[in-house]
Amino acid sequence: MRLSTVADGSDGAAVKKIQKAATDAGAVILSKEGAKTLSMESAAVDFVRDAFGHLKAIAADIGGRALLKTANVGQDAGVVDAGDKDAFIAAAKIRQWDREKSVRTLA
Protein backbone atom coordinates (compact mmCIF):
# COMPACT_ATOMS: atom_id res chain seq x y z
CA MET A 1 0.00 0.00 0.00
CA ARG A 2 1.38 3.41 -0.91
CA LEU A 3 0.11 6.25 1.22
CA SER A 4 -0.14 9.61 -0.46
CA THR A 5 1.89 12.55 0.70
CA VAL A 6 0.66 15.18 3.10
CA ALA A 7 -1.27 18.21 1.82
CA ASP A 8 1.79 20.31 1.02
CA GLY A 9 3.20 17.56 -1.20
CA SER A 10 5.97 16.46 1.15
CA ASP A 11 6.23 13.14 2.92
CA GLY A 12 5.71 14.02 6.56
CA ALA A 13 7.33 12.04 9.36
CA ALA A 14 4.01 10.42 10.30
CA VAL A 15 3.38 9.34 6.69
CA LYS A 16 6.84 7.78 6.53
CA LYS A 17 6.28 5.90 9.80
CA ILE A 18 2.93 4.63 8.60
CA GLN A 19 4.38 3.56 5.25
CA LYS A 20 7.03 1.59 7.08
CA ALA A 21 4.67 0.01 9.63
CA ALA A 22 1.34 -0.29 7.86
CA THR A 23 1.00 -2.96 5.28
CA ASP A 24 -2.67 -3.50 5.85
CA ALA A 25 -4.41 -0.48 7.30
CA GLY A 26 -6.42 2.47 6.12
CA ALA A 27 -7.42 5.98 7.05
CA VAL A 28 -10.84 7.48 6.39
CA ILE A 29 -10.53 11.27 6.41
CA LEU A 30 -13.65 13.04 5.18
CA SER A 31 -15.41 16.36 5.39
CA LYS A 32 -18.98 16.36 6.63
CA GLU A 33 -20.18 16.76 3.05
CA GLY A 34 -17.83 14.03 1.81
CA ALA A 35 -19.11 11.64 4.45
CA LYS A 36 -22.69 12.36 3.46
CA THR A 37 -21.94 11.78 -0.21
CA LEU A 38 -19.92 8.60 0.32
CA SER A 39 -22.52 7.19 2.70
CA MET A 40 -24.78 6.93 -0.37
CA GLU A 41 -22.11 5.09 -2.40
CA SER A 42 -22.17 1.32 -1.93
CA ALA A 43 -18.52 1.01 -3.02
CA ALA A 44 -17.40 3.36 -0.22
CA VAL A 45 -19.58 1.61 2.36
CA ASP A 46 -18.30 -1.78 1.17
CA PHE A 47 -14.69 -0.55 1.30
CA VAL A 48 -14.81 0.33 5.00
CA ARG A 49 -16.93 -2.72 5.80
CA ASP A 50 -14.38 -4.95 4.04
CA ALA A 51 -11.43 -3.29 5.81
CA PHE A 52 -13.13 -3.93 9.15
CA GLY A 53 -14.05 -7.49 8.16
CA HIS A 54 -10.47 -8.19 7.06
CA LEU A 55 -9.36 -7.19 10.56
CA LYS A 56 -7.45 -4.11 9.39
CA ALA A 57 -6.62 -1.08 11.50
CA ILE A 58 -8.69 1.97 10.56
CA ALA A 59 -7.98 5.58 11.46
CA ALA A 60 -10.97 7.90 11.11
CA ASP A 61 -11.77 11.54 11.71
CA ILE A 62 -15.29 12.85 12.43
CA GLY A 63 -16.36 12.54 8.79
CA GLY A 64 -14.76 9.11 8.54
CA ARG A 65 -16.62 7.94 11.64
CA ALA A 66 -19.89 8.99 9.99
CA LEU A 67 -19.10 6.68 7.06
CA LEU A 68 -18.09 3.90 9.45
CA LYS A 69 -21.40 4.29 11.25
CA THR A 70 -23.30 4.01 7.96
CA ALA A 71 -21.34 0.81 7.23
CA ASN A 72 -22.16 -0.60 10.70
CA VAL A 73 -18.48 -0.66 11.57
CA GLY A 74 -18.12 -0.79 15.33
CA GLN A 75 -15.55 0.70 17.63
CA ASP A 76 -12.71 -1.49 18.87
CA ALA A 77 -8.98 -1.25 19.55
CA GLY A 78 -8.26 -1.23 15.81
CA VAL A 79 -10.50 1.75 15.01
CA VAL A 80 -8.60 4.79 16.17
CA ASP A 81 -8.83 8.56 15.98
CA ALA A 82 -7.09 9.90 12.88
CA GLY A 83 -5.34 12.51 15.01
CA ASP A 84 -3.59 9.86 17.11
CA LYS A 85 -0.75 8.73 14.83
CA ASP A 86 0.91 6.63 17.51
CA ALA A 87 -2.30 4.64 18.15
CA PHE A 88 -2.74 4.11 14.41
CA ILE A 89 0.84 2.94 13.92
CA ALA A 90 0.49 0.53 16.84
CA ALA A 91 -2.85 -0.82 15.56
CA ALA A 92 -1.53 -1.13 12.00
CA LYS A 93 1.29 -3.44 13.04
CA ILE A 94 -1.07 -6.36 13.60
CA ARG A 95 -4.39 -7.73 12.45
CA GLN A 96 -7.21 -7.05 14.88
CA TRP A 97 -7.78 -10.68 15.87
CA ASP A 98 -10.11 -9.82 18.76
CA ARG A 99 -12.51 -8.43 16.15
CA GLU A 100 -12.79 -11.71 14.28
CA LYS A 101 -15.51 -13.20 16.48
CA SER A 102 -17.74 -10.20 15.71
CA VAL A 103 -17.41 -10.44 11.94
CA ARG A 104 -17.58 -14.18 11.19
CA THR A 105 -18.59 -17.48 12.67
CA LEU A 106 -15.55 -19.48 13.58
CA ALA A 107 -15.55 -23.26 13.22
C-alpha atoms as a PDB file:
ATOM      1  CA  MET A   1       0.000   0.000   0.000  1.00  0.00           C
ATOM      2  CA  ARG A   2       1.375   3.413  -0.909  1.00  0.00           C
ATOM      3  CA  LEU A   3       0.115   6.250   1.218  1.00  0.00           C
ATOM      4  CA  SER A   4      -0.137   9.610  -0.459  1.00  0.00           C
ATOM      5  CA  THR A   5       1.888  12.550   0.704  1.00  0.00           C
ATOM      6  CA  VAL A   6       0.657  15.184   3.098  1.00  0.00           C
ATOM      7  CA  ALA A   7      -1.275  18.206   1.820  1.00  0.00           C
ATOM      8  CA  ASP A   8       1.790  20.315   1.021  1.00  0.00           C
ATOM      9  CA  GLY A   9       3.200  17.560  -1.200  1.00  0.00           C
ATOM     10  CA  SER A  10       5.965  16.457   1.149  1.00  0.00           C
ATOM     11  CA  ASP A  11       6.233  13.140   2.921  1.00  0.00           C
ATOM     12  CA  GLY A  12       5.706  14.021   6.561  1.00  0.00           C
ATOM     13  CA  ALA A  13       7.327  12.037   9.364  1.00  0.00           C
ATOM     14  CA  ALA A  14       4.009  10.417  10.296  1.00  0.00           C
ATOM     15  CA  VAL A  15       3.375   9.343   6.694  1.00  0.00           C
ATOM     16  CA  LYS A  16       6.837   7.778   6.531  1.00  0.00           C
ATOM     17  CA  LYS A  17       6.283   5.903   9.801  1.00  0.00           C
ATOM     18  CA  ILE A  18       2.930   4.633   8.597  1.00  0.00           C
ATOM     19  CA  GLN A  19       4.383   3.562   5.247  1.00  0.00           C
ATOM     20  CA  LYS A  20       7.030   1.592   7.080  1.00  0.00           C
ATOM     21  CA  ALA A  21       4.670   0.007   9.629  1.00  0.00           C
ATOM     22  CA  ALA A  22       1.345  -0.288   7.864  1.00  0.00           C
ATOM     23  CA  THR A  23       1.002  -2.960   5.284  1.00  0.00           C
ATOM     24  CA  ASP A  24      -2.670  -3.497   5.850  1.00  0.00           C
ATOM     25  CA  ALA A  25      -4.413  -0.485   7.300  1.00  0.00           C
ATOM     26  CA  GLY A  26      -6.415   2.474   6.118  1.00  0.00           C
ATOM     27  CA  ALA A  27      -7.420   5.984   7.045  1.00  0.00           C
ATOM     28  CA  VAL A  28     -10.843   7.479   6.387  1.00  0.00           C
ATOM     29  CA  ILE A  29     -10.533  11.270   6.407  1.00  0.00           C
ATOM     30  CA  LEU A  30     -13.648  13.043   5.175  1.00  0.00           C
ATOM     31  CA  SER A  31     -15.410  16.360   5.388  1.00  0.00           C
ATOM     32  CA  LYS A  32     -18.980  16.362   6.632  1.00  0.00           C
ATOM     33  CA  GLU A  33     -20.180  16.764   3.046  1.00  0.00           C
ATOM     34  CA  GLY A  34     -17.834  14.034   1.805  1.00  0.00           C
ATOM     35  CA  ALA A  35     -19.109  11.636   4.449  1.00  0.00           C
ATOM     36  CA  LYS A  36     -22.694  12.359   3.463  1.00  0.00           C
ATOM     37  CA  THR A  37     -21.945  11.777  -0.214  1.00  0.00           C
ATOM     38  CA  LEU A  38     -19.916   8.599   0.318  1.00  0.00           C
ATOM     39  CA  SER A  39     -22.516   7.191   2.697  1.00  0.00           C
ATOM     40  CA  MET A  40     -24.775   6.930  -0.367  1.00  0.00           C
ATOM     41  CA  GLU A  41     -22.111   5.090  -2.401  1.00  0.00           C
ATOM     42  CA  SER A  42     -22.168   1.323  -1.930  1.00  0.00           C
ATOM     43  CA  ALA A  43     -18.525   1.014  -3.020  1.00  0.00           C
ATOM     44  CA  ALA A  44     -17.397   3.355  -0.225  1.00  0.00           C
ATOM     45  CA  VAL A  45     -19.576   1.615   2.363  1.00  0.00           C
ATOM     46  CA  ASP A  46     -18.300  -1.779   1.172  1.00  0.00           C
ATOM     47  CA  PHE A  47     -14.693  -0.549   1.295  1.00  0.00           C
ATOM     48  CA  VAL A  48     -14.808   0.329   5.002  1.00  0.00           C
ATOM     49  CA  ARG A  49     -16.933  -2.718   5.800  1.00  0.00           C
ATOM     50  CA  ASP A  50     -14.380  -4.950   4.040  1.00  0.00           C
ATOM     51  CA  ALA A  51     -11.433  -3.293   5.809  1.00  0.00           C
ATOM     52  CA  PHE A  52     -13.130  -3.933   9.147  1.00  0.00           C
ATOM     53  CA  GLY A  53     -14.045  -7.486   8.163  1.00  0.00           C
ATOM     54  CA  HIS A  54     -10.474  -8.189   7.064  1.00  0.00           C
ATOM     55  CA  LEU A  55      -9.355  -7.188  10.557  1.00  0.00           C
ATOM     56  CA  LYS A  56      -7.445  -4.108   9.394  1.00  0.00           C
ATOM     57  CA  ALA A  57      -6.620  -1.080  11.502  1.00  0.00           C
ATOM     58  CA  ILE A  58      -8.685   1.970  10.563  1.00  0.00           C
ATOM     59  CA  ALA A  59      -7.984   5.581  11.457  1.00  0.00           C
ATOM     60  CA  ALA A  60     -10.969   7.898  11.108  1.00  0.00           C
ATOM     61  CA  ASP A  61     -11.769  11.538  11.714  1.00  0.00           C
ATOM     62  CA  ILE A  62     -15.291  12.851  12.427  1.00  0.00           C
ATOM     63  CA  GLY A  63     -16.361  12.535   8.791  1.00  0.00           C
ATOM     64  CA  GLY A  64     -14.764   9.113   8.544  1.00  0.00           C
ATOM     65  CA  ARG A  65     -16.623   7.945  11.643  1.00  0.00           C
ATOM     66  CA  ALA A  66     -19.890   8.990   9.993  1.00  0.00           C
ATOM     67  CA  LEU A  67     -19.102   6.681   7.062  1.00  0.00           C
ATOM     68  CA  LEU A  68     -18.091   3.898   9.445  1.00  0.00           C
ATOM     69  CA  LYS A  69     -21.400   4.294  11.252  1.00  0.00           C
ATOM     70  CA  THR A  70     -23.302   4.006   7.962  1.00  0.00           C
ATOM     71  CA  ALA A  71     -21.344   0.813   7.234  1.00  0.00           C
ATOM     72  CA  ASN A  72     -22.164  -0.599  10.697  1.00  0.00           C
ATOM     73  CA  VAL A  73     -18.478  -0.657  11.566  1.00  0.00           C
ATOM     74  CA  GLY A  74     -18.124  -0.787  15.325  1.00  0.00           C
ATOM     75  CA  GLN A  75     -15.547   0.696  17.627  1.00  0.00           C
ATOM     76  CA  ASP A  76     -12.712  -1.489  18.869  1.00  0.00           C
ATOM     77  CA  ALA A  77      -8.983  -1.252  19.552  1.00  0.00           C
ATOM     78  CA  GLY A  78      -8.264  -1.234  15.806  1.00  0.00           C
ATOM     79  CA  VAL A  79     -10.497   1.746  15.008  1.00  0.00           C
ATOM     80  CA  VAL A  80      -8.598   4.792  16.171  1.00  0.00           C
ATOM     81  CA  ASP A  81      -8.834   8.556  15.977  1.00  0.00           C
ATOM     82  CA  ALA A  82      -7.086   9.896  12.884  1.00  0.00           C
ATOM     83  CA  GLY A  83      -5.340  12.506  15.013  1.00  0.00           C
ATOM     84  CA  ASP A  84      -3.587   9.856  17.109  1.00  0.00           C
ATOM     85  CA  LYS A  85      -0.754   8.731  14.829  1.00  0.00           C
ATOM     86  CA  ASP A  86       0.910   6.626  17.515  1.00  0.00           C
ATOM     87  CA  ALA A  87      -2.299   4.639  18.154  1.00  0.00           C
ATOM     88  CA  PHE A  88      -2.741   4.109  14.410  1.00  0.00           C
ATOM     89  CA  ILE A  89       0.843   2.940  13.917  1.00  0.00           C
ATOM     90  CA  ALA A  90       0.495   0.531  16.835  1.00  0.00           C
ATOM     91  CA  ALA A  91      -2.846  -0.825  15.563  1.00  0.00           C
ATOM     92  CA  ALA A  92      -1.532  -1.129  11.998  1.00  0.00           C
ATOM     93  CA  LYS A  93       1.294  -3.439  13.040  1.00  0.00           C
ATOM     94  CA  ILE A  94      -1.065  -6.364  13.598  1.00  0.00           C
ATOM     95  CA  ARG A  95      -4.387  -7.726  12.446  1.00  0.00           C
ATOM     96  CA  GLN A  96      -7.215  -7.052  14.880  1.00  0.00           C
ATOM     97  CA  TRP A  97      -7.777 -10.685  15.866  1.00  0.00           C
ATOM     98  CA  ASP A  98     -10.114  -9.817  18.756  1.00  0.00           C
ATOM     99  CA  ARG A  99     -12.513  -8.430  16.154  1.00  0.00           C
ATOM    100  CA  GLU A 100     -12.787 -11.709  14.276  1.00  0.00           C
ATOM    101  CA  LYS A 101     -15.513 -13.200  16.484  1.00  0.00           C
ATOM    102  CA  SER A 102     -17.737 -10.203  15.712  1.00  0.00           C
ATOM    103  CA  VAL A 103     -17.410 -10.440  11.935  1.00  0.00           C
ATOM    104  CA  ARG A 104     -17.584 -14.180  11.191  1.00  0.00           C
ATOM    105  CA  THR A 105     -18.588 -17.482  12.665  1.00  0.00           C
ATOM    106  CA  LEU A 106     -15.547 -19.480  13.578  1.00  0.00           C
ATOM    107  CA  ALA A 107     -15.548 -23.260  13.219  1.00  0.00           C
END
